[in-house]
Amino acid sequence: MKKIMTSLCFALLLSSCVEKKKEDNTNQEEITQEDTLQIKTVEPVAIKMDDSYFKATGTEPFWGLKVKENRVELNMMEDTIITPHATPIKAQDANISMYRIQTEAVSMDVIIAHKECTNAMSGEKSPYTVTIAYKYTGEEETHALEGCGSYITDYRLHDIWVLEEMDGQAVTKDDFNGRDVPNMEIDIKTNRFSGFAGCNRMTGGLFFEKDMLRFTNAASTKMACPNMDAESTFLKNLQSTTTYKIENNRLYLSNGSQENLLIFKKID
């Protein structure tokens, strides 16, 4: 156990605009139909049947990790370890999660740190560094593995969504100068979103972890419309989102202090 803790402490120590449209509109101007989002069909995404929400791989030796809702799987060249899922222990001052697992056959700690990682063979970059320490019951030797991983973005987000409610109130075109209500397309293949905010077009990125969703690096055009309050509220709520829920073809966005900041309806 002393060797395991030493390895874990060492791993923790290691983890210690879009270009904007150049227009200067000094006078209010009416937005034209060309400034709204052109709704198009979203390419279907192949749904993978395994329910992993995090995957990692490593070399020397080769190994693969899958973290699922009900179990953790560590596949190696000569052995496979399958254990029940464990609630991760979160670090308070860094984006680090540790799964501490103990069964009759093995004890295993998996540390997932939000730190860019490069695959030693392919050169591919991943957003998370993964450290694993495990020991079989009855053995003295602790085995250590290092590699790279990523969270798997929820495939259900991949669609076009139209705003239905904001701050608990239904929205209509009248709230957005008689034009379209805000709508966005989410692409999980690139972890990007784009769409129409009520007056301006918008684009940005997604940050996804289990039970977490953030809309990041949001940028928009700089059109001026008669009433910008609704769009400002929409963009503020979108960027303050931290959690989500999908039910009945609707996407509910919330944060730690307020539920249902925005509710979107899926477009079939």
C-alpha atoms as a PDB file:
ATOM      1  CA  MET A   1       0.000   0.000   0.000  1.00  0.00           C
ATOM      2  CA  LYS A   2       2.897   2.328   0.704  1.00  0.00           C
ATOM      3  CA  LYS A   3       4.083   1.861  -2.867  1.00  0.00           C
ATOM      4  CA  ILE A   4       0.589   2.649  -4.182  1.00  0.00           C
ATOM      5  CA  MET A   5       0.356   5.886  -2.196  1.00  0.00           C
ATOM      6  CA  THR A   6       3.827   6.924  -3.344  1.00  0.00           C
ATOM      7  CA  SER A   7       2.817   6.377  -6.968  1.00  0.00           C
ATOM      8  CA  LEU A   8      -0.422   8.299  -6.499  1.00  0.00           C
ATOM      9  CA  CYS A   9       1.260  11.255  -4.820  1.00  0.00           C
ATOM     10  CA  PHE A  10       3.790  11.428  -7.634  1.00  0.00           C
ATOM     11  CA  ALA A  11       0.993  11.393 -10.229  1.00  0.00           C
ATOM     12  CA  LEU A  12      -0.867  14.185  -8.444  1.00  0.00           C
ATOM     13  CA  LEU A  13       2.251  16.360  -8.287  1.00  0.00           C
ATOM     14  CA  LEU A  14       2.644  16.016 -12.065  1.00  0.00           C
ATOM     15  CA  SER A  15      -0.856  17.416 -12.596  1.00  0.00           C
ATOM     16  CA  SER A  16      -0.009  20.495 -10.628  1.00  0.00           C
ATOM     17  CA  CYS A  17     -12.095  34.936 -31.313  1.00  0.00           C
ATOM     18  CA  VAL A  18     -13.138  32.930 -33.523  1.00  0.00           C
ATOM     19  CA  GLU A  19     -12.451  35.759 -35.972  1.00  0.00           C
ATOM     20  CA  LYS A  20     -15.261  38.298 -35.683  1.00  0.00           C
ATOM     21  CA  LYS A  21     -17.033  40.015 -38.569  1.00  0.00           C
ATOM     22  CA  LYS A  22     -15.396  43.394 -39.177  1.00  0.00           C
ATOM     23  CA  GLU A  23     -18.400  45.699 -39.365  1.00  0.00           C
ATOM     24  CA  ASP A  24     -19.035  48.823 -37.357  1.00  0.00           C
ATOM     25  CA  ASN A  25     -22.773  49.344 -37.262  1.00  0.00           C
ATOM     26  CA  THR A  26     -23.310  52.604 -35.465  1.00  0.00           C
ATOM     27  CA  ASN A  27     -27.027  52.725 -36.241  1.00  0.00           C
ATOM     28  CA  GLN A  28     -29.612  50.143 -35.408  1.00  0.00           C
ATOM     29  CA  GLU A  29     -30.420  48.022 -38.437  1.00  0.00           C
ATOM     30  CA  GLU A  30     -33.041  45.399 -39.081  1.00  0.00           C
ATOM     31  CA  ILE A  31     -31.697  41.878 -39.291  1.00  0.00           C
ATOM     32  CA  THR A  32     -32.376  40.144 -42.589  1.00  0.00           C
ATOM     33  CA  GLN A  33     -33.386  36.549 -43.186  1.00  0.00           C
ATOM     34  CA  GLU A  34     -29.798  35.757 -44.253  1.00  0.00           C
ATOM     35  CA  ASP A  35     -28.660  36.450 -40.680  1.00  0.00           C
ATOM     36  CA  THR A  36     -30.694  33.595 -39.223  1.00  0.00           C
ATOM     37  CA  LEU A  37     -29.462  30.042 -38.935  1.00  0.00           C
ATOM     38  CA  GLN A  38     -30.133  27.980 -42.016  1.00  0.00           C
ATOM     39  CA  ILE A  39     -31.530  24.746 -40.611  1.00  0.00           C
ATOM     40  CA  LYS A  40     -30.001  21.706 -42.255  1.00  0.00           C
ATOM     41  CA  THR A  41     -30.014  18.002 -41.620  1.00  0.00           C
ATOM     42  CA  VAL A  42     -27.496  16.823 -39.043  1.00  0.00           C
ATOM     43  CA  GLU A  43     -25.394  13.894 -40.175  1.00  0.00           C
ATOM     44  CA  PRO A  44     -26.293  10.773 -38.201  1.00  0.00           C
ATOM     45  CA  VAL A  45     -23.790   9.487 -35.678  1.00  0.00           C
ATOM     46  CA  ALA A  46     -23.130   5.791 -35.319  1.00  0.00           C
ATOM     47  CA  ILE A  47     -24.185   4.821 -31.805  1.00  0.00           C
ATOM     48  CA  LYS A  48     -21.600   2.673 -30.081  1.00  0.00           C
ATOM     49  CA  MET A  49     -23.213  -0.059 -28.063  1.00  0.00           C
ATOM     50  CA  ASP A  50     -20.778  -0.040 -25.160  1.00  0.00           C
ATOM     51  CA  ASP A  51     -21.736   2.426 -22.460  1.00  0.00           C
ATOM     52  CA  SER A  52     -18.284   3.786 -21.674  1.00  0.00           C
ATOM     53  CA  TYR A  53     -18.171   7.427 -20.637  1.00  0.00           C
ATOM     54  CA  PHE A  54     -14.362   7.532 -20.428  1.00  0.00           C
ATOM     55  CA  LYS A  55     -11.697   5.658 -22.395  1.00  0.00           C
ATOM     56  CA  ALA A  56      -7.924   5.613 -22.140  1.00  0.00           C
ATOM     57  CA  THR A  57      -5.018   3.754 -23.734  1.00  0.00           C
ATOM     58  CA  GLY A  58      -1.325   3.338 -23.031  1.00  0.00           C
ATOM     59  CA  THR A  59       1.796   1.753 -24.455  1.00  0.00           C
ATOM     60  CA  GLU A  60       4.816  -0.120 -23.087  1.00  0.00           C
ATOM     61  CA  PRO A  61       2.939  -2.259 -22.204  1.00  0.00           C
ATOM     62  CA  PHE A  62      -0.216  -1.840 -24.296  1.00  0.00           C
ATOM     63  CA  TRP A  63      -3.402  -1.439 -22.290  1.00  0.00           C
ATOM     64  CA  GLY A  64      -6.910  -0.018 -22.592  1.00  0.00           C
ATOM     65  CA  LEU A  65      -9.271   1.355 -19.955  1.00  0.00           C
ATOM     66  CA  LYS A  66     -13.040   1.747 -20.115  1.00  0.00           C
ATOM     67  CA  VAL A  67     -14.984   3.451 -17.334  1.00  0.00           C
ATOM     68  CA  LYS A  68     -18.685   2.627 -17.497  1.00  0.00           C
ATOM     69  CA  GLU A  69     -21.712   3.392 -15.382  1.00  0.00           C
ATOM     70  CA  ASN A  70     -21.609   0.005 -13.685  1.00  0.00           C
ATOM     71  CA  ARG A  71     -18.001  -1.198 -13.982  1.00  0.00           C
ATOM     72  CA  VAL A  72     -14.381  -0.421 -14.803  1.00  0.00           C
ATOM     73  CA  GLU A  73     -12.485  -2.538 -17.337  1.00  0.00           C
ATOM     74  CA  LEU A  74      -8.696  -2.636 -17.657  1.00  0.00           C
ATOM     75  CA  ASN A  75      -7.597  -4.709 -20.651  1.00  0.00           C
ATOM     76  CA  MET A  76      -3.935  -5.697 -20.916  1.00  0.00           C
ATOM     77  CA  MET A  77      -1.981  -8.072 -23.135  1.00  0.00           C
ATOM     78  CA  GLU A  78      -1.918 -10.888 -20.568  1.00  0.00           C
ATOM     79  CA  ASP A  79      -4.866 -10.114 -18.301  1.00  0.00           C
ATOM     80  CA  THR A  80      -8.178  -8.273 -17.991  1.00  0.00           C
ATOM     81  CA  ILE A  81      -9.347  -6.700 -14.736  1.00  0.00           C
ATOM     82  CA  ILE A  82     -13.070  -5.987 -14.372  1.00  0.00           C
ATOM     83  CA  THR A  83     -14.323  -4.314 -11.190  1.00  0.00           C
ATOM     84  CA  PRO A  84     -17.499  -2.598 -10.018  1.00  0.00           C
ATOM     85  CA  HIS A  85     -17.740   1.135 -10.671  1.00  0.00           C
ATOM     86  CA  ALA A  86     -16.659   3.430  -7.849  1.00  0.00           C
ATOM     87  CA  THR A  87     -17.655   7.020  -7.130  1.00  0.00           C
ATOM     88  CA  PRO A  88     -14.652   9.182  -8.042  1.00  0.00           C
ATOM     89  CA  ILE A  89     -12.879  11.256  -5.405  1.00  0.00           C
ATOM     90  CA  LYS A  90     -12.530  14.828  -6.689  1.00  0.00           C
ATOM     91  CA  ALA A  91      -9.591  17.110  -5.948  1.00  0.00           C
ATOM     92  CA  GLN A  92     -10.652  20.487  -4.578  1.00  0.00           C
ATOM     93  CA  ASP A  93      -8.048  22.629  -6.336  1.00  0.00           C
ATOM     94  CA  ALA A  94      -7.651  20.863  -9.690  1.00  0.00           C
ATOM     95  CA  ASN A  95      -9.662  18.901 -12.239  1.00  0.00           C
ATOM     96  CA  ILE A  96      -8.493  15.493 -11.021  1.00  0.00           C
ATOM     97  CA  SER A  97     -10.648  12.441 -10.314  1.00  0.00           C
ATOM     98  CA  MET A  98      -9.443   9.301  -8.531  1.00  0.00           C
ATOM     99  CA  TYR A  99     -11.314   5.992  -8.635  1.00  0.00           C
ATOM    100  CA  ARG A 100     -10.226   3.891  -5.647  1.00  0.00           C
ATOM    101  CA  ILE A 101     -11.347   0.300  -6.168  1.00  0.00           C
ATOM    102  CA  GLN A 102     -10.946  -2.679  -3.839  1.00  0.00           C
ATOM    103  CA  THR A 103     -12.154  -6.222  -4.557  1.00  0.00           C
ATOM    104  CA  GLU A 104     -11.207  -9.644  -3.225  1.00  0.00           C
ATOM    105  CA  ALA A 105      -8.849 -10.150  -6.183  1.00  0.00           C
ATOM    106  CA  VAL A 106      -7.262  -6.734  -6.729  1.00  0.00           C
ATOM    107  CA  SER A 107      -6.856  -3.212  -5.418  1.00  0.00           C
ATOM    108  CA  MET A 108      -6.665  -0.502  -8.061  1.00  0.00           C
ATOM    109  CA  ASP A 109      -6.470   3.289  -8.178  1.00  0.00           C
ATOM    110  CA  VAL A 110      -7.232   5.162 -11.406  1.00  0.00           C
ATOM    111  CA  ILE A 111      -6.302   8.854 -11.561  1.00  0.00           C
ATOM    112  CA  ILE A 112      -7.721  10.999 -14.376  1.00  0.00           C
ATOM    113  CA  ALA A 113      -6.127  14.459 -14.561  1.00  0.00           C
ATOM    114  CA  HIS A 114      -7.187  17.223 -16.953  1.00  0.00           C
ATOM    115  CA  LYS A 115      -3.725  17.642 -18.411  1.00  0.00           C
ATOM    116  CA  GLU A 116      -2.833  17.318 -22.105  1.00  0.00           C
ATOM    117  CA  CYS A 117      -1.289  13.968 -22.941  1.00  0.00           C
ATOM    118  CA  THR A 118       0.547  12.752 -26.048  1.00  0.00           C
ATOM    119  CA  ASN A 119       0.510   9.127 -27.147  1.00  0.00           C
ATOM    120  CA  ALA A 120       4.104   7.912 -27.202  1.00  0.00           C
ATOM    121  CA  MET A 121       3.665   5.963 -30.453  1.00  0.00           C
ATOM    122  CA  SER A 122       1.103   7.822 -32.570  1.00  0.00           C
ATOM    123  CA  GLY A 123       1.758  11.354 -31.331  1.00  0.00           C
ATOM    124  CA  GLU A 124      -2.006  11.868 -30.940  1.00  0.00           C
ATOM    125  CA  LYS A 125      -2.939  14.368 -28.254  1.00  0.00           C
ATOM    126  CA  SER A 126      -5.662  13.797 -25.656  1.00  0.00           C
ATOM    127  CA  PRO A 127      -7.001  16.196 -23.034  1.00  0.00           C
ATOM    128  CA  TYR A 128      -6.475  13.866 -20.049  1.00  0.00           C
ATOM    129  CA  THR A 129      -3.503  12.104 -18.483  1.00  0.00           C
ATOM    130  CA  VAL A 130      -4.309   8.769 -16.834  1.00  0.00           C
ATOM    131  CA  THR A 131      -2.282   6.981 -14.161  1.00  0.00           C
ATOM    132  CA  ILE A 132      -3.201   3.503 -12.900  1.00  0.00           C
ATOM    133  CA  ALA A 133      -1.713   1.601  -9.959  1.00  0.00           C
ATOM    134  CA  TYR A 134      -2.955  -1.925  -9.208  1.00  0.00           C
ATOM    135  CA  LYS A 135      -1.902  -4.898  -7.081  1.00  0.00           C
ATOM    136  CA  TYR A 136      -3.271  -8.415  -6.993  1.00  0.00           C
ATOM    137  CA  THR A 137      -4.280  -9.810  -3.617  1.00  0.00           C
ATOM    138  CA  GLY A 138      -1.468 -11.815  -2.079  1.00  0.00           C
ATOM    139  CA  GLU A 139       1.256 -10.185  -4.154  1.00  0.00           C
ATOM    140  CA  GLU A 140       3.755  -7.577  -3.024  1.00  0.00           C
ATOM    141  CA  GLU A 141       4.398  -5.930  -6.393  1.00  0.00           C
ATOM    142  CA  THR A 142       2.440  -2.852  -7.401  1.00  0.00           C
ATOM    143  CA  HIS A 143       2.004  -2.353 -11.153  1.00  0.00           C
ATOM    144  CA  ALA A 144       1.932   1.186 -12.589  1.00  0.00           C
ATOM    145  CA  LEU A 145       0.548   2.276 -15.972  1.00  0.00           C
ATOM    146  CA  GLU A 146       0.425   5.682 -17.657  1.00  0.00           C
ATOM    147  CA  GLY A 147      -1.504   6.795 -20.720  1.00  0.00           C
ATOM    148  CA  CYS A 148      -3.942   9.217 -22.317  1.00  0.00           C
ATOM    149  CA  GLY A 149      -7.721   9.405 -22.349  1.00  0.00           C
ATOM    150  CA  SER A 150     -10.888  11.302 -23.207  1.00  0.00           C
ATOM    151  CA  TYR A 151     -14.478  11.544 -22.037  1.00  0.00           C
ATOM    152  CA  ILE A 152     -17.043  10.315 -24.564  1.00  0.00           C
ATOM    153  CA  THR A 153     -19.526  13.089 -25.372  1.00  0.00           C
ATOM    154  CA  ASP A 154     -23.159  12.002 -25.005  1.00  0.00           C
ATOM    155  CA  TYR A 155     -24.319  11.044 -28.528  1.00  0.00           C
ATOM    156  CA  ARG A 156     -27.831  12.345 -27.741  1.00  0.00           C
ATOM    157  CA  LEU A 157     -26.518  15.925 -27.848  1.00  0.00           C
ATOM    158  CA  HIS A 158     -25.710  15.579 -31.549  1.00  0.00           C
ATOM    159  CA  ASP A 159     -28.687  17.369 -33.073  1.00  0.00           C
ATOM    160  CA  ILE A 160     -30.354  20.698 -33.851  1.00  0.00           C
ATOM    161  CA  TRP A 161     -32.075  22.339 -30.900  1.00  0.00           C
ATOM    162  CA  VAL A 162     -34.552  25.245 -30.869  1.00  0.00           C
ATOM    163  CA  LEU A 163     -35.073  27.362 -27.741  1.00  0.00           C
ATOM    164  CA  GLU A 164     -38.429  26.752 -26.078  1.00  0.00           C
ATOM    165  CA  GLU A 165     -38.053  28.335 -22.606  1.00  0.00           C
ATOM    166  CA  MET A 166     -35.633  30.746 -20.938  1.00  0.00           C
ATOM    167  CA  ASP A 167     -35.549  31.370 -17.172  1.00  0.00           C
ATOM    168  CA  GLY A 168     -38.795  29.439 -16.802  1.00  0.00           C
ATOM    169  CA  GLN A 169     -40.705  31.462 -19.413  1.00  0.00           C
ATOM    170  CA  ALA A 170     -41.806  30.319 -22.857  1.00  0.00           C
ATOM    171  CA  VAL A 171     -40.182  32.278 -25.675  1.00  0.00           C
ATOM    172  CA  THR A 172     -41.608  33.405 -29.021  1.00  0.00           C
ATOM    173  CA  LYS A 173     -40.338  35.247 -32.072  1.00  0.00           C
ATOM    174  CA  ASP A 174     -41.750  38.453 -30.604  1.00  0.00           C
ATOM    175  CA  ASP A 175     -39.129  38.254 -27.851  1.00  0.00           C
ATOM    176  CA  PHE A 176     -36.449  38.368 -30.554  1.00  0.00           C
ATOM    177  CA  ASN A 177     -37.658  41.173 -32.836  1.00  0.00           C
ATOM    178  CA  GLY A 178     -40.104  38.974 -34.718  1.00  0.00           C
ATOM    179  CA  ARG A 179     -37.356  36.820 -36.201  1.00  0.00           C
ATOM    180  CA  ASP A 180     -36.335  33.276 -35.350  1.00  0.00           C
ATOM    181  CA  VAL A 181     -35.916  32.233 -31.738  1.00  0.00           C
ATOM    182  CA  PRO A 182     -32.392  31.080 -30.825  1.00  0.00           C
ATOM    183  CA  ASN A 183     -31.378  27.687 -32.172  1.00  0.00           C
ATOM    184  CA  MET A 184     -28.147  25.734 -32.350  1.00  0.00           C
ATOM    185  CA  GLU A 185     -26.563  22.691 -33.889  1.00  0.00           C
ATOM    186  CA  ILE A 186     -24.325  20.542 -31.681  1.00  0.00           C
ATOM    187  CA  ASP A 187     -21.678  18.409 -33.380  1.00  0.00           C
ATOM    188  CA  ILE A 188     -20.174  15.842 -31.007  1.00  0.00           C
ATOM    189  CA  LYS A 189     -17.622  14.725 -33.614  1.00  0.00           C
ATOM    190  CA  THR A 190     -15.851  18.069 -33.250  1.00  0.00           C
ATOM    191  CA  ASN A 191     -17.303  19.107 -29.858  1.00  0.00           C
ATOM    192  CA  ARG A 192     -18.513  22.360 -31.424  1.00  0.00           C
ATOM    193  CA  PHE A 193     -21.798  24.250 -31.528  1.00  0.00           C
ATOM    194  CA  SER A 194     -23.083  26.912 -33.896  1.00  0.00           C
ATOM    195  CA  GLY A 195     -26.354  28.676 -34.494  1.00  0.00           C
ATOM    196  CA  PHE A 196     -28.461  31.796 -34.102  1.00  0.00           C
ATOM    197  CA  ALA A 197     -28.699  33.755 -30.832  1.00  0.00           C
ATOM    198  CA  GLY A 198     -31.726  35.914 -31.674  1.00  0.00           C
ATOM    199  CA  CYS A 199     -29.934  38.644 -33.610  1.00  0.00           C
ATOM    200  CA  ASN A 200     -26.433  37.356 -34.254  1.00  0.00           C
ATOM    201  CA  ARG A 201     -24.900  34.115 -35.400  1.00  0.00           C
ATOM    202  CA  MET A 202     -22.833  32.300 -32.767  1.00  0.00           C
ATOM    203  CA  THR A 203     -20.248  29.563 -32.549  1.00  0.00           C
ATOM    204  CA  GLY A 204     -18.140  27.934 -29.853  1.00  0.00           C
ATOM    205  CA  GLY A 205     -16.869  24.737 -28.278  1.00  0.00           C
ATOM    206  CA  LEU A 206     -18.161  22.069 -25.896  1.00  0.00           C
ATOM    207  CA  PHE A 207     -16.446  20.931 -22.711  1.00  0.00           C
ATOM    208  CA  PHE A 208     -17.916  17.585 -21.705  1.00  0.00           C
ATOM    209  CA  GLU A 209     -17.290  15.320 -18.736  1.00  0.00           C
ATOM    210  CA  LYS A 210     -19.585  12.873 -17.008  1.00  0.00           C
ATOM    211  CA  ASP A 211     -22.548  14.873 -15.647  1.00  0.00           C
ATOM    212  CA  MET A 212     -20.981  18.131 -16.897  1.00  0.00           C
ATOM    213  CA  LEU A 213     -21.553  20.248 -20.005  1.00  0.00           C
ATOM    214  CA  ARG A 214     -20.129  23.706 -20.721  1.00  0.00           C
ATOM    215  CA  PHE A 215     -20.424  25.923 -23.794  1.00  0.00           C
ATOM    216  CA  THR A 216     -16.994  27.513 -24.126  1.00  0.00           C
ATOM    217  CA  ASN A 217     -15.184  30.149 -26.196  1.00  0.00           C
ATOM    218  CA  ALA A 218     -18.481  31.520 -27.477  1.00  0.00           C
ATOM    219  CA  ALA A 219     -18.181  34.154 -30.200  1.00  0.00           C
ATOM    220  CA  SER A 220     -20.841  35.951 -32.230  1.00  0.00           C
ATOM    221  CA  THR A 221     -21.250  38.439 -35.044  1.00  0.00           C
ATOM    222  CA  LYS A 222     -21.865  42.103 -34.154  1.00  0.00           C
ATOM    223  CA  MET A 223     -25.171  42.975 -35.758  1.00  0.00           C
ATOM    224  CA  ALA A 224     -27.326  45.582 -34.007  1.00  0.00           C
ATOM    225  CA  CYS A 225     -31.021  44.875 -33.505  1.00  0.00           C
ATOM    226  CA  PRO A 226     -33.814  46.978 -31.942  1.00  0.00           C
ATOM    227  CA  ASN A 227     -33.876  44.928 -28.723  1.00  0.00           C
ATOM    228  CA  MET A 228     -30.777  43.056 -27.603  1.00  0.00           C
ATOM    229  CA  ASP A 229     -31.850  42.211 -24.033  1.00  0.00           C
ATOM    230  CA  ALA A 230     -33.269  38.777 -24.859  1.00  0.00           C
ATOM    231  CA  GLU A 231     -30.199  37.760 -26.843  1.00  0.00           C
ATOM    232  CA  SER A 232     -27.878  38.977 -24.070  1.00  0.00           C
ATOM    233  CA  THR A 233     -29.791  36.899 -21.510  1.00  0.00           C
ATOM    234  CA  PHE A 234     -29.723  33.866 -23.787  1.00  0.00           C
ATOM    235  CA  LEU A 235     -25.946  34.055 -24.318  1.00  0.00           C
ATOM    236  CA  LYS A 236     -25.313  34.655 -20.606  1.00  0.00           C
ATOM    237  CA  ASN A 237     -27.416  31.627 -19.646  1.00  0.00           C
ATOM    238  CA  LEU A 238     -25.790  29.447 -22.294  1.00  0.00           C
ATOM    239  CA  GLN A 239     -22.286  30.256 -21.080  1.00  0.00           C
ATOM    240  CA  SER A 240     -23.196  29.746 -17.401  1.00  0.00           C
ATOM    241  CA  THR A 241     -24.470  26.206 -18.041  1.00  0.00           C
ATOM    242  CA  THR A 242     -22.692  23.404 -16.161  1.00  0.00           C
ATOM    243  CA  THR A 243     -25.154  20.478 -16.237  1.00  0.00           C
ATOM    244  CA  TYR A 244     -27.701  19.062 -18.647  1.00  0.00           C
ATOM    245  CA  LYS A 245     -30.552  16.595 -18.943  1.00  0.00           C
ATOM    246  CA  ILE A 246     -32.232  15.124 -22.025  1.00  0.00           C
ATOM    247  CA  GLU A 247     -35.828  13.927 -21.739  1.00  0.00           C
ATOM    248  CA  ASN A 248     -38.796  13.799 -24.127  1.00  0.00           C
ATOM    249  CA  ASN A 249     -36.788  15.268 -27.023  1.00  0.00           C
ATOM    250  CA  ARG A 250     -35.816  18.263 -24.918  1.00  0.00           C
ATOM    251  CA  LEU A 251     -32.459  19.511 -23.692  1.00  0.00           C
ATOM    252  CA  TYR A 252     -32.504  21.097 -20.219  1.00  0.00           C
ATOM    253  CA  LEU A 253     -29.511  23.281 -19.319  1.00  0.00           C
ATOM    254  CA  SER A 254     -28.848  24.247 -15.703  1.00  0.00           C
ATOM    255  CA  ASN A 255     -26.072  25.266 -13.335  1.00  0.00           C
ATOM    256  CA  GLY A 256     -25.347  24.886  -9.637  1.00  0.00           C
ATOM    257  CA  SER A 257     -27.609  27.735  -8.590  1.00  0.00           C
ATOM    258  CA  GLN A 258     -30.466  27.605 -11.090  1.00  0.00           C
ATOM    259  CA  GLU A 259     -32.279  24.815 -12.897  1.00  0.00           C
ATOM    260  CA  ASN A 260     -33.593  25.044 -16.446  1.00  0.00           C
ATOM    261  CA  LEU A 261     -31.793  28.216 -17.470  1.00  0.00           C
ATOM    262  CA  LEU A 262     -32.643  27.170 -21.024  1.00  0.00           C
ATOM    263  CA  ILE A 263     -34.894  24.479 -22.447  1.00  0.00           C
ATOM    264  CA  PHE A 264     -34.487  23.446 -26.090  1.00  0.00           C
ATOM    265  CA  LYS A 265     -36.683  21.252 -28.231  1.00  0.00           C
ATOM    266  CA  LYS A 266     -35.122  18.798 -30.651  1.00  0.00           C
ATOM    267  CA  ILE A 267     -35.873  19.297 -34.356  1.00  0.00           C
ATOM    268  CA  ASP A 268     -36.855  16.051 -36.088  1.00  0.00           C
END
